[in-house]
């Protein structure tokens, strides 16, 4: 899917029935990413199923159509109901092997009104990732693969499993720092 700007947000308009995604990718940042974050909205669609806002740190530019998935010390997804932090050793084809290292649910679902801006930031120091979650909570994740797989690229992704019913992500700001 192609990204577009709509109502001041970087988003996409799925045109297929079923899973769909689009990617905003950084270039080579020259040093490992130590902080990555995003601000976004969710806009509900008829059917009321949750969409996904995602971000990742990778060892090379992510190419969803190009075969092997990159190594990832961070693959972070958030829905209206919760979040998931995974790492990936990459693959030789067919999609990323995501290994969950931490996950959680929100006490109250995030708003899907298309106006409320949610924010998440992940700061990485060694093998520890500190996550400032959109519900105001902070979570610390420790895993040796976070440091061992430190990488210089990032991407941001709106994703839907069900294109006609999942809420749509609209990014208002994204960042990756070294």
N, C-alpha and C. Protein backbone atom coordinates (compact mmCIF):
# COMPACT_ATOMS: atom_id res chain seq x y z
N UNK A 1 0.84 -1.17 0.00
CA UNK A 1 0.00 0.00 0.00
C UNK A 1 0.89 1.23 0.00
N UNK A 2 0.40 2.30 -0.56
CA UNK A 2 1.12 3.56 -0.58
C UNK A 2 0.65 4.47 0.55
N UNK A 3 1.62 5.14 1.16
CA UNK A 3 1.29 6.15 2.16
C UNK A 3 0.79 7.41 1.47
N UNK A 4 0.00 8.18 2.19
CA UNK A 4 -0.50 9.45 1.67
C UNK A 4 -0.74 10.38 2.86
N UNK A 5 -0.85 11.66 2.58
CA UNK A 5 -1.20 12.63 3.61
C UNK A 5 -2.70 12.90 3.48
N UNK A 6 -3.42 12.72 4.59
CA UNK A 6 -4.87 13.00 4.63
C UNK A 6 -5.17 13.66 5.96
N UNK A 7 -5.79 14.81 5.91
CA UNK A 7 -6.14 15.56 7.12
C UNK A 7 -4.93 15.79 8.02
N UNK A 8 -3.77 16.06 7.39
CA UNK A 8 -2.55 16.37 8.13
C UNK A 8 -1.87 15.16 8.75
N UNK A 9 -2.25 13.94 8.35
CA UNK A 9 -1.67 12.72 8.91
C UNK A 9 -1.11 11.84 7.80
N UNK A 10 0.00 11.18 8.12
CA UNK A 10 0.57 10.19 7.22
C UNK A 10 -0.18 8.89 7.44
N UNK A 11 -0.88 8.42 6.42
CA UNK A 11 -1.77 7.28 6.58
C UNK A 11 -1.83 6.49 5.28
N UNK A 12 -2.77 5.58 5.19
CA UNK A 12 -2.98 4.83 3.96
C UNK A 12 -4.46 4.50 3.84
N UNK A 13 -4.84 4.10 2.65
CA UNK A 13 -6.24 3.74 2.38
C UNK A 13 -6.25 2.34 1.78
N UNK A 14 -6.40 1.32 2.62
CA UNK A 14 -6.38 -0.05 2.09
C UNK A 14 -7.45 -0.25 1.02
N UNK A 15 -7.05 -0.88 -0.06
CA UNK A 15 -7.97 -1.12 -1.18
C UNK A 15 -8.19 -2.60 -1.44
N UNK A 16 -7.58 -3.44 -0.63
CA UNK A 16 -7.75 -4.88 -0.77
C UNK A 16 -8.51 -5.40 0.43
N UNK A 17 -9.16 -6.53 0.27
CA UNK A 17 -9.83 -7.16 1.40
C UNK A 17 -8.81 -8.03 2.11
N UNK A 18 -8.62 -7.82 3.39
CA UNK A 18 -7.65 -8.61 4.14
C UNK A 18 -6.51 -7.76 4.64
N UNK A 19 -5.37 -8.38 4.99
CA UNK A 19 -4.24 -7.66 5.57
C UNK A 19 -3.65 -6.63 4.60
N UNK A 20 -3.24 -5.48 5.16
CA UNK A 20 -2.59 -4.44 4.37
C UNK A 20 -1.67 -3.63 5.28
N UNK A 21 -0.58 -3.13 4.70
CA UNK A 21 0.38 -2.32 5.45
C UNK A 21 1.05 -1.34 4.50
N UNK A 22 1.63 -0.30 5.08
CA UNK A 22 2.45 0.66 4.33
C UNK A 22 3.62 1.02 5.24
N UNK A 23 4.74 1.44 4.65
CA UNK A 23 5.96 1.66 5.43
C UNK A 23 6.57 3.01 5.13
N UNK A 24 6.90 3.76 6.19
CA UNK A 24 7.71 4.96 6.10
C UNK A 24 9.06 4.58 6.68
N UNK A 25 10.12 4.61 5.85
CA UNK A 25 11.44 4.12 6.26
C UNK A 25 12.46 5.24 6.32
N UNK A 26 13.34 5.15 7.31
CA UNK A 26 14.46 6.08 7.37
C UNK A 26 15.56 5.57 6.46
N UNK A 27 16.52 6.44 6.18
CA UNK A 27 17.76 6.00 5.56
C UNK A 27 18.69 5.47 6.64
N UNK A 28 19.93 5.21 6.25
CA UNK A 28 20.95 4.78 7.20
C UNK A 28 21.27 5.94 8.13
N UNK A 29 21.03 5.77 9.42
CA UNK A 29 21.25 6.84 10.39
C UNK A 29 22.70 6.91 10.86
N UNK A 30 23.57 6.01 10.38
CA UNK A 30 25.00 6.10 10.64
C UNK A 30 25.47 5.48 11.94
N UNK A 31 24.59 5.41 12.92
CA UNK A 31 24.88 4.79 14.22
C UNK A 31 23.62 4.07 14.67
N UNK A 32 23.74 3.14 15.62
CA UNK A 32 22.54 2.45 16.10
C UNK A 32 21.49 3.41 16.68
N UNK A 33 20.25 3.11 16.38
CA UNK A 33 19.12 3.88 16.90
C UNK A 33 19.02 3.64 18.41
N UNK A 34 18.92 4.72 19.17
CA UNK A 34 18.81 4.62 20.63
C UNK A 34 17.47 5.14 21.15
N UNK A 35 16.71 5.79 20.29
CA UNK A 35 15.39 6.30 20.68
C UNK A 35 14.52 6.33 19.44
N UNK A 36 13.31 5.80 19.58
CA UNK A 36 12.38 5.79 18.46
C UNK A 36 10.98 6.03 19.04
N UNK A 37 10.17 6.78 18.29
CA UNK A 37 8.84 7.06 18.79
C UNK A 37 7.89 7.49 17.70
N UNK A 38 6.63 7.58 18.10
CA UNK A 38 5.59 7.98 17.14
C UNK A 38 4.42 8.59 17.89
N UNK A 39 3.75 9.51 17.18
CA UNK A 39 2.47 10.05 17.60
C UNK A 39 1.49 9.72 16.48
N UNK A 40 0.27 9.32 16.86
CA UNK A 40 -0.69 8.88 15.86
C UNK A 40 -2.11 8.98 16.41
N UNK A 41 -3.05 8.82 15.48
CA UNK A 41 -4.46 8.67 15.83
C UNK A 41 -4.94 7.34 15.28
N UNK A 42 -6.01 6.84 15.87
CA UNK A 42 -6.75 5.72 15.30
C UNK A 42 -8.10 6.26 14.88
N UNK A 43 -8.54 5.90 13.68
CA UNK A 43 -9.86 6.27 13.20
C UNK A 43 -10.67 4.99 12.98
N UNK A 44 -11.73 4.83 13.75
CA UNK A 44 -12.56 3.63 13.66
C UNK A 44 -13.25 3.55 12.30
N UNK A 45 -13.44 2.33 11.85
CA UNK A 45 -14.23 2.05 10.65
C UNK A 45 -15.45 1.23 11.07
N UNK A 46 -16.47 1.17 10.22
CA UNK A 46 -17.60 0.30 10.53
C UNK A 46 -17.09 -1.12 10.74
N UNK A 47 -17.54 -1.76 11.76
CA UNK A 47 -17.08 -3.11 12.09
C UNK A 47 -16.33 -3.13 13.40
N UNK A 48 -15.64 -2.02 13.70
CA UNK A 48 -15.06 -1.82 15.02
C UNK A 48 -13.90 -2.70 15.42
N UNK A 49 -13.16 -3.28 14.49
CA UNK A 49 -12.00 -4.08 14.87
C UNK A 49 -10.76 -3.19 14.91
N UNK A 50 -9.77 -3.54 15.76
CA UNK A 50 -8.63 -2.64 15.96
C UNK A 50 -7.58 -2.75 14.87
N UNK A 51 -7.06 -1.59 14.44
CA UNK A 51 -5.91 -1.52 13.57
C UNK A 51 -4.65 -1.43 14.41
N UNK A 52 -3.51 -1.28 13.74
CA UNK A 52 -2.21 -1.32 14.40
C UNK A 52 -1.36 -0.14 13.98
N UNK A 53 -0.68 0.48 14.96
CA UNK A 53 0.41 1.41 14.69
C UNK A 53 1.69 0.66 15.08
N UNK A 54 2.68 0.64 14.20
CA UNK A 54 3.89 -0.13 14.46
C UNK A 54 5.13 0.68 14.14
N UNK A 55 6.23 0.31 14.81
CA UNK A 55 7.54 0.89 14.50
C UNK A 55 8.59 -0.17 14.77
N UNK A 56 9.72 -0.05 14.09
CA UNK A 56 10.77 -1.05 14.24
C UNK A 56 12.13 -0.42 14.01
N UNK A 57 13.14 -1.07 14.55
CA UNK A 57 14.54 -0.77 14.28
C UNK A 57 15.08 -1.99 13.54
N UNK A 58 15.79 -1.74 12.43
CA UNK A 58 16.24 -2.84 11.57
C UNK A 58 17.71 -2.69 11.18
N UNK A 59 18.32 -3.79 10.74
CA UNK A 59 19.73 -3.75 10.35
C UNK A 59 19.93 -3.35 8.89
N UNK A 60 18.85 -3.21 8.14
CA UNK A 60 18.89 -2.75 6.74
C UNK A 60 17.50 -2.24 6.39
N UNK A 61 17.38 -1.53 5.28
CA UNK A 61 16.04 -1.03 4.93
C UNK A 61 15.05 -2.18 4.80
N UNK A 62 13.90 -2.02 5.43
CA UNK A 62 12.85 -3.03 5.33
C UNK A 62 12.24 -2.98 3.94
N UNK A 63 12.10 -4.13 3.31
CA UNK A 63 11.50 -4.23 1.98
C UNK A 63 10.47 -5.35 2.02
N UNK A 64 9.19 -5.00 2.26
CA UNK A 64 8.18 -6.04 2.42
C UNK A 64 7.99 -6.91 1.18
N UNK A 65 8.43 -6.45 0.03
CA UNK A 65 8.28 -7.23 -1.19
C UNK A 65 9.58 -7.90 -1.61
N UNK A 66 10.66 -7.67 -0.85
CA UNK A 66 11.98 -8.10 -1.29
C UNK A 66 12.53 -9.35 -0.65
N UNK A 67 11.70 -10.28 -0.20
CA UNK A 67 12.23 -11.54 0.30
C UNK A 67 12.54 -11.52 1.78
N UNK A 68 13.82 -11.65 2.12
CA UNK A 68 14.24 -11.82 3.51
C UNK A 68 13.91 -10.61 4.36
N UNK A 69 13.46 -10.87 5.58
CA UNK A 69 13.17 -9.81 6.53
C UNK A 69 14.45 -9.41 7.26
N UNK A 70 14.56 -8.15 7.66
CA UNK A 70 15.76 -7.70 8.36
C UNK A 70 15.80 -8.17 9.81
N UNK A 71 16.99 -8.17 10.36
CA UNK A 71 17.21 -8.38 11.78
C UNK A 71 16.58 -7.19 12.52
N UNK A 72 15.89 -7.43 13.63
CA UNK A 72 15.23 -6.35 14.36
C UNK A 72 15.45 -6.47 15.87
N UNK A 73 16.13 -5.49 16.48
CA UNK A 73 16.20 -5.46 17.93
C UNK A 73 14.94 -4.88 18.57
N UNK A 74 14.04 -4.36 17.73
CA UNK A 74 12.76 -3.84 18.21
C UNK A 74 11.74 -3.92 17.08
N UNK A 75 10.62 -4.53 17.36
CA UNK A 75 9.41 -4.46 16.54
C UNK A 75 8.29 -4.21 17.53
N UNK A 76 7.73 -3.00 17.51
CA UNK A 76 6.76 -2.59 18.52
C UNK A 76 5.44 -2.31 17.84
N UNK A 77 4.38 -2.95 18.35
CA UNK A 77 3.04 -2.67 17.83
C UNK A 77 2.14 -2.21 18.96
N UNK A 78 1.17 -1.38 18.60
CA UNK A 78 0.17 -0.94 19.57
C UNK A 78 -1.18 -0.92 18.87
N UNK A 79 -2.19 -1.41 19.58
CA UNK A 79 -3.58 -1.34 19.14
C UNK A 79 -4.34 -0.55 20.20
N UNK A 80 -5.62 -0.39 20.01
CA UNK A 80 -6.42 0.32 21.02
C UNK A 80 -6.39 -0.41 22.36
N UNK A 81 -6.14 -1.72 22.34
CA UNK A 81 -6.26 -2.54 23.53
C UNK A 81 -4.94 -2.85 24.24
N UNK A 82 -3.81 -2.74 23.56
CA UNK A 82 -2.54 -3.10 24.19
C UNK A 82 -1.36 -2.95 23.26
N UNK A 83 -0.23 -3.52 23.69
CA UNK A 83 1.03 -3.36 22.98
C UNK A 83 1.83 -4.66 23.01
N UNK A 84 2.84 -4.74 22.12
CA UNK A 84 3.70 -5.91 22.03
C UNK A 84 5.08 -5.47 21.58
N UNK A 85 6.12 -5.90 22.29
CA UNK A 85 7.52 -5.66 21.93
C UNK A 85 8.11 -7.00 21.52
N UNK A 86 8.59 -7.07 20.29
CA UNK A 86 9.21 -8.28 19.77
C UNK A 86 10.60 -7.96 19.23
N UNK A 87 11.39 -9.00 19.07
CA UNK A 87 12.66 -8.93 18.37
C UNK A 87 12.58 -9.95 17.23
N UNK A 88 13.48 -9.82 16.26
CA UNK A 88 13.45 -10.77 15.15
C UNK A 88 14.87 -11.06 14.65
N UNK A 89 15.20 -12.35 14.48
CA UNK A 89 16.48 -12.70 13.89
C UNK A 89 16.45 -12.58 12.36
N UNK A 90 15.35 -12.06 11.81
CA UNK A 90 15.18 -11.99 10.37
C UNK A 90 14.69 -13.33 9.85
N UNK A 91 14.63 -13.45 8.54
CA UNK A 91 14.25 -14.71 7.92
C UNK A 91 14.93 -14.82 6.58
N UNK A 92 14.81 -15.97 5.99
CA UNK A 92 15.33 -16.15 4.64
C UNK A 92 14.24 -15.94 3.61
N UNK A 93 13.05 -15.61 4.04
CA UNK A 93 11.93 -15.35 3.14
C UNK A 93 10.62 -15.65 3.83
N UNK A 94 9.57 -15.03 3.37
CA UNK A 94 8.25 -15.35 3.88
C UNK A 94 7.81 -14.57 5.10
N UNK A 95 8.49 -13.52 5.46
CA UNK A 95 8.06 -12.71 6.60
C UNK A 95 8.97 -12.86 7.79
N UNK A 96 8.87 -11.89 8.68
CA UNK A 96 9.74 -11.85 9.86
C UNK A 96 9.31 -12.88 10.89
N UNK A 97 10.29 -13.50 11.53
CA UNK A 97 10.03 -14.34 12.69
C UNK A 97 10.06 -13.42 13.90
N UNK A 98 8.89 -13.10 14.46
CA UNK A 98 8.80 -12.19 15.59
C UNK A 98 8.75 -12.98 16.89
N UNK A 99 9.66 -12.62 17.82
CA UNK A 99 9.74 -13.28 19.12
C UNK A 99 9.33 -12.26 20.17
N UNK A 100 8.18 -12.46 20.80
CA UNK A 100 7.68 -11.52 21.80
C UNK A 100 8.54 -11.59 23.05
N UNK A 101 9.01 -10.40 23.51
CA UNK A 101 9.77 -10.33 24.76
C UNK A 101 8.96 -9.62 25.85
N UNK A 102 7.94 -8.87 25.48
CA UNK A 102 7.06 -8.22 26.46
C UNK A 102 5.78 -7.79 25.77
N UNK A 103 4.70 -7.74 26.53
CA UNK A 103 3.40 -7.31 26.00
C UNK A 103 2.53 -6.87 27.16
N UNK A 104 1.52 -6.09 26.86
CA UNK A 104 0.60 -5.64 27.90
C UNK A 104 -0.71 -5.16 27.32
N UNK A 105 -1.68 -5.01 28.20
CA UNK A 105 -2.98 -4.46 27.80
C UNK A 105 -3.21 -3.16 28.56
N UNK A 106 -4.03 -2.30 27.98
CA UNK A 106 -4.38 -1.04 28.61
C UNK A 106 -5.62 -1.22 29.47
N UNK A 107 -5.67 -0.53 30.60
CA UNK A 107 -6.85 -0.60 31.47
C UNK A 107 -8.10 -0.13 30.73
N UNK A 108 -7.94 0.92 29.93
CA UNK A 108 -9.03 1.43 29.08
C UNK A 108 -8.52 1.48 27.65
N UNK A 109 -9.34 1.10 26.68
CA UNK A 109 -8.90 1.16 25.29
C UNK A 109 -8.52 2.58 24.88
N UNK A 110 -7.54 2.68 23.98
CA UNK A 110 -7.18 3.98 23.42
C UNK A 110 -8.31 4.47 22.52
N UNK A 111 -8.48 5.75 22.46
CA UNK A 111 -9.53 6.35 21.64
C UNK A 111 -9.29 6.08 20.16
N UNK A 112 -10.37 5.86 19.45
CA UNK A 112 -10.34 5.67 17.99
C UNK A 112 -11.19 6.73 17.30
N UNK A 113 -11.16 7.96 17.84
CA UNK A 113 -12.00 9.03 17.32
C UNK A 113 -11.39 9.80 16.15
N UNK A 114 -10.17 9.46 15.76
CA UNK A 114 -9.50 10.15 14.65
C UNK A 114 -8.88 11.48 15.04
N UNK A 115 -9.08 11.93 16.28
CA UNK A 115 -8.56 13.21 16.74
C UNK A 115 -7.58 13.10 17.90
N UNK A 116 -7.81 12.15 18.80
CA UNK A 116 -6.95 11.99 19.97
C UNK A 116 -5.58 11.48 19.53
N UNK A 117 -4.54 12.23 19.86
CA UNK A 117 -3.18 11.85 19.49
C UNK A 117 -2.58 11.01 20.61
N UNK A 118 -2.15 9.82 20.25
CA UNK A 118 -1.48 8.90 21.16
C UNK A 118 0.02 9.00 20.91
N UNK A 119 0.83 8.68 21.92
CA UNK A 119 2.28 8.77 21.77
C UNK A 119 2.95 7.61 22.49
N UNK A 120 3.98 7.08 21.87
CA UNK A 120 4.84 6.07 22.48
C UNK A 120 6.28 6.39 22.11
N UNK A 121 7.18 6.17 23.05
CA UNK A 121 8.61 6.32 22.79
C UNK A 121 9.35 5.17 23.46
N UNK A 122 10.35 4.65 22.76
CA UNK A 122 11.20 3.60 23.29
C UNK A 122 12.63 4.12 23.29
N UNK A 123 13.27 4.12 24.48
CA UNK A 123 14.67 4.51 24.63
C UNK A 123 15.48 3.26 24.94
N UNK A 124 16.59 3.10 24.21
CA UNK A 124 17.40 1.90 24.34
C UNK A 124 18.77 2.25 24.91
N UNK A 125 19.14 1.54 25.96
CA UNK A 125 20.46 1.66 26.57
C UNK A 125 20.96 0.25 26.84
N UNK A 126 21.94 -0.19 26.06
CA UNK A 126 22.45 -1.54 26.22
C UNK A 126 21.39 -2.56 25.90
N UNK A 127 21.15 -3.50 26.83
CA UNK A 127 20.15 -4.52 26.58
C UNK A 127 18.78 -4.18 27.19
N UNK A 128 18.61 -2.89 27.56
CA UNK A 128 17.36 -2.44 28.19
C UNK A 128 16.63 -1.45 27.30
N UNK A 129 15.34 -1.69 27.12
CA UNK A 129 14.46 -0.76 26.40
C UNK A 129 13.44 -0.22 27.41
N UNK A 130 13.37 1.10 27.52
CA UNK A 130 12.38 1.74 28.38
C UNK A 130 11.28 2.30 27.48
N UNK A 131 10.06 1.88 27.74
CA UNK A 131 8.92 2.23 26.89
C UNK A 131 8.01 3.19 27.65
N UNK A 132 7.79 4.38 27.11
CA UNK A 132 6.79 5.31 27.61
C UNK A 132 5.53 5.06 26.78
N UNK A 133 4.55 4.44 27.41
CA UNK A 133 3.35 3.98 26.73
C UNK A 133 2.30 5.08 26.59
N UNK A 134 1.37 4.93 25.65
CA UNK A 134 0.36 5.96 25.43
C UNK A 134 -0.65 6.12 26.57
N UNK A 135 -0.72 5.17 27.48
CA UNK A 135 -1.64 5.29 28.62
C UNK A 135 -0.97 5.95 29.81
N UNK A 136 0.27 6.44 29.64
CA UNK A 136 0.99 7.12 30.72
C UNK A 136 1.87 6.22 31.55
N UNK A 137 1.81 4.92 31.33
CA UNK A 137 2.65 3.99 32.06
C UNK A 137 4.02 3.85 31.40
N UNK A 138 4.97 3.35 32.18
CA UNK A 138 6.32 3.10 31.69
C UNK A 138 6.64 1.63 31.94
N UNK A 139 7.24 1.02 30.95
CA UNK A 139 7.61 -0.40 31.04
C UNK A 139 9.08 -0.53 30.68
N UNK A 140 9.81 -1.38 31.40
CA UNK A 140 11.20 -1.65 31.09
C UNK A 140 11.32 -3.09 30.62
N UNK A 141 12.03 -3.27 29.49
CA UNK A 141 12.22 -4.59 28.89
C UNK A 141 13.72 -4.85 28.82
N UNK A 142 14.13 -6.03 29.26
CA UNK A 142 15.54 -6.40 29.16
C UNK A 142 15.66 -7.69 28.37
N UNK A 143 16.56 -7.68 27.39
CA UNK A 143 16.82 -8.86 26.59
C UNK A 143 18.18 -8.65 25.92
N UNK A 144 19.06 -9.63 25.94
CA UNK A 144 20.40 -9.44 25.34
C UNK A 144 20.36 -9.18 23.84
N UNK A 145 19.30 -9.59 23.15
CA UNK A 145 19.21 -9.36 21.69
C UNK A 145 19.01 -7.89 21.36
N UNK A 146 18.49 -7.10 22.30
CA UNK A 146 18.30 -5.67 22.05
C UNK A 146 19.66 -5.02 21.78
N UNK A 147 20.65 -5.32 22.60
CA UNK A 147 22.00 -4.76 22.41
C UNK A 147 22.76 -5.50 21.31
N UNK A 148 22.68 -6.81 21.27
CA UNK A 148 23.43 -7.60 20.29
C UNK A 148 23.01 -7.28 18.86
N UNK A 149 21.75 -6.94 18.65
CA UNK A 149 21.24 -6.68 17.31
C UNK A 149 21.05 -5.18 17.03
N UNK A 150 21.72 -4.32 17.80
CA UNK A 150 21.60 -2.86 17.60
C UNK A 150 21.74 -2.53 16.10
N UNK A 151 20.89 -1.63 15.61
CA UNK A 151 20.82 -1.39 14.16
C UNK A 151 20.58 0.09 13.83
N UNK A 152 20.78 0.44 12.55
CA UNK A 152 20.84 1.85 12.11
C UNK A 152 19.68 2.32 11.25
N UNK A 153 18.64 1.54 11.11
CA UNK A 153 17.48 1.92 10.29
C UNK A 153 16.22 1.81 11.14
N UNK A 154 15.18 2.52 10.73
CA UNK A 154 13.89 2.42 11.41
C UNK A 154 12.77 2.49 10.37
N UNK A 155 11.61 1.96 10.75
CA UNK A 155 10.43 2.17 9.92
C UNK A 155 9.21 2.33 10.81
N UNK A 156 8.17 2.92 10.22
CA UNK A 156 6.90 3.17 10.88
C UNK A 156 5.81 2.64 9.96
N UNK A 157 4.80 1.99 10.53
CA UNK A 157 3.87 1.22 9.71
C UNK A 157 2.44 1.29 10.23
N UNK A 158 1.50 1.73 9.40
CA UNK A 158 0.10 1.47 9.69
C UNK A 158 -0.23 0.08 9.14
N UNK A 159 -1.00 -0.69 9.90
CA UNK A 159 -1.30 -2.06 9.49
C UNK A 159 -2.76 -2.39 9.84
N UNK A 160 -3.38 -3.19 8.99
CA UNK A 160 -4.72 -3.72 9.28
C UNK A 160 -4.75 -5.20 8.91
N UNK A 161 -5.44 -5.99 9.72
CA UNK A 161 -5.70 -7.40 9.39
C UNK A 161 -6.93 -7.50 8.49
N UNK A 162 -7.92 -6.66 8.81
CA UNK A 162 -9.18 -6.65 8.07
C UNK A 162 -9.39 -5.24 7.52
N UNK A 163 -9.10 -5.07 6.25
CA UNK A 163 -9.08 -3.74 5.64
C UNK A 163 -10.39 -2.99 5.73
N UNK A 164 -11.50 -3.70 5.74
CA UNK A 164 -12.79 -3.01 5.70
C UNK A 164 -13.35 -2.71 7.09
N UNK A 165 -12.74 -3.29 8.17
CA UNK A 165 -13.31 -3.07 9.50
C UNK A 165 -12.32 -2.55 10.54
N UNK A 166 -11.01 -2.72 10.30
CA UNK A 166 -10.01 -2.28 11.29
C UNK A 166 -9.87 -0.77 11.29
N UNK A 167 -9.59 -0.21 12.47
CA UNK A 167 -9.33 1.22 12.57
C UNK A 167 -8.06 1.56 11.78
N UNK A 168 -7.99 2.79 11.28
CA UNK A 168 -6.88 3.23 10.43
C UNK A 168 -5.96 4.14 11.24
N UNK A 169 -4.66 3.87 11.15
CA UNK A 169 -3.63 4.67 11.82
C UNK A 169 -3.29 5.88 10.97
N UNK A 170 -3.17 7.04 11.64
CA UNK A 170 -2.71 8.26 10.98
C UNK A 170 -1.58 8.86 11.81
N UNK A 171 -0.35 8.82 11.29
CA UNK A 171 0.80 9.36 12.02
C UNK A 171 0.82 10.88 11.94
N UNK A 172 1.04 11.52 13.08
CA UNK A 172 1.23 12.98 13.10
C UNK A 172 2.69 13.33 13.30
N UNK A 173 3.48 12.40 13.84
CA UNK A 173 4.92 12.63 14.04
C UNK A 173 5.59 11.28 14.27
N UNK A 174 6.79 11.11 13.70
CA UNK A 174 7.62 9.94 13.96
C UNK A 174 9.06 10.41 14.13
N UNK A 175 9.86 9.66 14.89
CA UNK A 175 11.27 10.03 15.07
C UNK A 175 12.12 8.81 15.39
N UNK A 176 13.38 8.92 15.01
CA UNK A 176 14.40 7.91 15.33
C UNK A 176 15.70 8.67 15.56
N UNK A 177 16.29 8.49 16.73
CA UNK A 177 17.52 9.20 17.10
C UNK A 177 18.64 8.21 17.39
N UNK A 178 19.87 8.68 17.18
CA UNK A 178 21.04 7.85 17.45
C UNK A 178 21.81 8.40 18.64
